[in-house]
Protein backbone atom coordinates (compact mmCIF):
# COMPACT_ATOMS: atom_id res chain seq x y z
CA UNK A 1 -19.92 35.35 23.74
CA UNK A 2 -19.61 32.98 20.93
CA UNK A 3 -22.36 29.79 20.07
CA UNK A 4 -20.61 26.89 19.55
CA UNK A 5 -21.84 24.32 17.06
CA UNK A 6 -20.90 20.54 16.69
CA UNK A 7 -21.03 18.73 13.57
CA UNK A 8 -22.11 15.47 13.81
CA UNK A 9 -18.76 14.16 12.18
CA UNK A 10 -17.19 15.90 15.46
CA UNK A 11 -19.15 14.23 17.80
CA UNK A 12 -18.55 10.79 16.64
CA UNK A 13 -15.22 10.95 16.62
CA UNK A 14 -15.10 12.85 20.08
CA UNK A 15 -17.60 9.65 21.22
CA UNK A 16 -15.12 7.06 19.91
CA UNK A 17 -12.31 8.66 22.66
CA UNK A 18 -12.08 7.75 26.45
CA UNK A 19 -14.54 9.47 28.43
CA UNK A 20 -11.45 11.26 30.49
CA UNK A 21 -10.46 12.81 27.40
CA UNK A 22 -13.84 13.91 26.17
CA UNK A 23 -13.95 15.70 29.39
CA UNK A 24 -10.96 17.24 28.67
CA UNK A 25 -12.04 18.01 25.06
CA UNK A 26 -15.42 19.06 25.57
CA UNK A 27 -14.08 21.67 28.59
CA UNK A 28 -11.45 23.29 25.88
CA UNK A 29 -14.05 23.94 23.44
CA UNK A 30 -16.22 24.99 26.43
CA UNK A 31 -13.52 27.98 26.20
CA UNK A 32 -14.00 28.71 22.80
CA UNK A 33 -17.02 30.74 23.92
CA UNK A 34 -14.62 33.30 24.85
CA UNK A 35 -13.12 33.95 21.39
CA UNK A 36 -10.74 35.44 20.70
CA UNK A 37 -9.07 35.38 23.82
CA UNK A 38 -8.39 31.81 24.06
CA UNK A 39 -4.90 30.23 24.07
CA UNK A 40 -3.65 27.48 21.73
CA UNK A 41 -5.40 28.45 19.07
CA UNK A 42 -3.52 28.79 15.60
CA UNK A 43 -5.20 30.30 12.14
CA UNK A 44 -4.47 27.45 9.80
CA UNK A 45 -3.57 28.61 6.29
CA UNK A 46 -4.47 26.38 3.18
CA UNK A 47 -6.57 24.25 5.20
CA UNK A 48 -10.23 23.36 4.62
CA UNK A 49 -10.82 25.08 8.49
CA UNK A 50 -9.72 28.16 9.58
CA UNK A 51 -8.34 27.13 12.84
CA UNK A 52 -7.17 24.73 15.03
CA UNK A 53 -7.26 24.21 19.35
CA UNK A 54 -4.43 22.16 20.23
CA UNK A 55 -5.26 19.90 23.52
CA UNK A 56 -2.63 17.60 24.49
CA UNK A 57 -1.90 15.19 21.77
CA UNK A 58 -5.46 16.14 20.27
CA UNK A 59 -6.65 18.67 17.45
CA UNK A 60 -9.93 20.23 17.37
CA UNK A 61 -10.79 21.91 13.79
CA UNK A 62 -13.07 24.49 13.59
CA UNK A 63 -14.31 27.70 11.95
CA UNK A 64 -15.38 30.79 13.43
CA UNK A 65 -17.37 33.73 12.24
CA UNK A 66 -16.35 36.84 13.87
CA UNK A 67 -19.44 38.58 12.84
CA UNK A 68 -22.32 36.33 13.69
CA UNK A 69 -20.09 34.90 16.76
CA UNK A 70 -20.54 31.35 15.98
CA UNK A 71 -17.89 28.75 16.30
CA UNK A 72 -18.68 25.41 14.19
CA UNK A 73 -16.67 22.64 15.55
CA UNK A 74 -15.70 20.47 12.46
CA UNK A 75 -13.27 17.62 13.45
CA UNK A 76 -11.40 16.29 16.63
CA UNK A 77 -8.53 13.92 15.57
CA UNK A 78 -5.49 12.67 17.28
CA UNK A 79 -2.22 14.22 16.25
CA UNK A 80 -0.51 12.00 14.01
CA UNK A 81 1.64 13.01 10.24
CA UNK A 82 -1.87 12.57 8.94
CA UNK A 83 -4.04 15.28 11.29
CA UNK A 84 -3.13 18.37 8.73
């Protein structure tokens, strides 16, 4: 089981979204506790963050420390040409 930590920046980005979208994203992030057995995860190359979680039109960028088993949610962004 992994611990999930939200950065203040990610919390602020999540709060700006509609309530149904917030619930959907928060539920998807809760599933990350079972890393690495998760779906819609991609390892990022040459990017500030190590991984991304795809949830519909949104991307959750995060880092995962497999040794300590901590997931740090860094950003929540709607997918567009500037997401990555």
